Amino acid sequence: MFFDNGPGIPEEIKSRIFDMYYRGNVTSKGSGFGLYIVKNAIAKLNGTISFISRPGHTDFQFIIPTNSIAS
């Protein structure tokens, strides 16, 4: 699990945060590609990613099954 102490994710954009090139607001300095890459990498390992956000804090959780990682 990892945490973000940013402004939080408004309800109206929560469904889009994993979209390619999506930036949540105009002050974002990134390309909007990071969460898209993370979600797809986790999916390739048969894992899941989820989050809970409220003003000032977002918790991301990802689960990767141990049998999906090559030895």
Protein backbone atom coordinates (compact mmCIF):
# COMPACT_ATOMS: atom_id res chain seq x y z
CA MET A 1 0.00 0.00 0.00
CA PHE A 2 1.22 3.51 -0.63
CA PHE A 3 -0.12 6.90 0.30
CA ASP A 4 -0.36 10.31 -1.34
CA ASN A 5 -0.77 13.46 0.73
CA GLY A 6 -1.80 15.61 -2.25
CA PRO A 7 -5.13 17.41 -2.56
CA GLY A 8 -7.12 14.19 -2.96
CA ILE A 9 -9.01 12.98 -6.02
CA PRO A 10 -12.37 14.63 -6.69
CA GLU A 11 -15.28 12.23 -7.12
CA GLU A 12 -15.99 13.40 -10.68
CA ILE A 13 -12.58 12.27 -11.98
CA LYS A 14 -12.03 9.05 -10.01
CA SER A 15 -13.14 6.90 -12.95
CA ARG A 16 -10.49 8.46 -15.20
CA ILE A 17 -7.29 8.49 -13.14
CA PHE A 18 -5.91 5.34 -14.79
CA ASP A 19 -6.61 6.61 -18.34
CA MET A 20 -3.62 7.17 -20.60
CA TYR A 21 -2.48 10.83 -20.63
CA TYR A 22 -5.14 11.91 -18.14
CA ARG A 23 -4.06 14.63 -15.74
CA GLY A 24 -6.41 15.44 -12.91
CA ASN A 25 -5.95 19.19 -13.05
CA VAL A 26 -4.27 21.94 -15.03
CA THR A 27 -1.50 22.38 -12.45
CA SER A 28 -0.24 18.79 -12.89
CA LYS A 29 3.31 18.77 -14.17
CA GLY A 30 3.39 15.14 -15.28
CA SER A 31 2.40 13.59 -18.58
CA GLY A 32 -0.60 11.70 -17.20
CA PHE A 33 1.06 8.40 -18.08
CA GLY A 34 2.24 7.17 -14.66
CA LEU A 35 -0.88 5.58 -13.18
CA TYR A 36 -1.73 4.12 -16.58
CA ILE A 37 1.65 2.35 -16.67
CA VAL A 38 1.32 1.13 -13.08
CA LYS A 39 -2.19 -0.26 -13.64
CA ASN A 40 -1.15 -2.10 -16.80
CA ALA A 41 2.01 -3.53 -15.24
CA ILE A 42 0.01 -4.83 -12.28
CA ALA A 43 -2.64 -6.27 -14.63
CA LYS A 44 0.06 -8.18 -16.56
CA LEU A 45 0.96 -9.84 -13.26
CA ASN A 46 -2.71 -10.76 -12.69
CA GLY A 47 -2.91 -8.20 -9.91
CA THR A 48 -5.30 -5.43 -8.99
CA ILE A 49 -4.98 -1.81 -7.95
CA SER A 50 -7.54 0.21 -6.04
CA PHE A 51 -7.68 3.47 -4.13
CA ILE A 52 -9.63 5.42 -1.56
CA SER A 53 -9.39 9.20 -1.70
CA ARG A 54 -10.57 11.99 0.50
CA PRO A 55 -9.46 15.63 0.66
CA GLY A 56 -5.76 15.78 1.46
CA HIS A 57 -5.07 12.05 1.34
CA THR A 58 -5.25 9.14 -1.09
CA ASP A 59 -4.46 5.49 -0.28
CA PHE A 60 -3.52 3.20 -3.16
CA GLN A 61 -3.44 -0.56 -2.66
CA PHE A 62 -2.15 -3.10 -5.12
CA ILE A 63 -2.22 -6.86 -4.85
CA ILE A 64 -0.01 -9.13 -6.92
CA PRO A 65 -0.50 -12.89 -6.51
CA THR A 66 2.75 -14.61 -5.58
CA ASN A 67 2.23 -17.27 -8.25
CA SER A 68 2.29 -14.61 -11.00
CA ILE A 69 5.91 -13.61 -10.38
CA ALA A 70 8.48 -15.72 -12.22
CA SER A 71 11.24 -17.24 -10.11
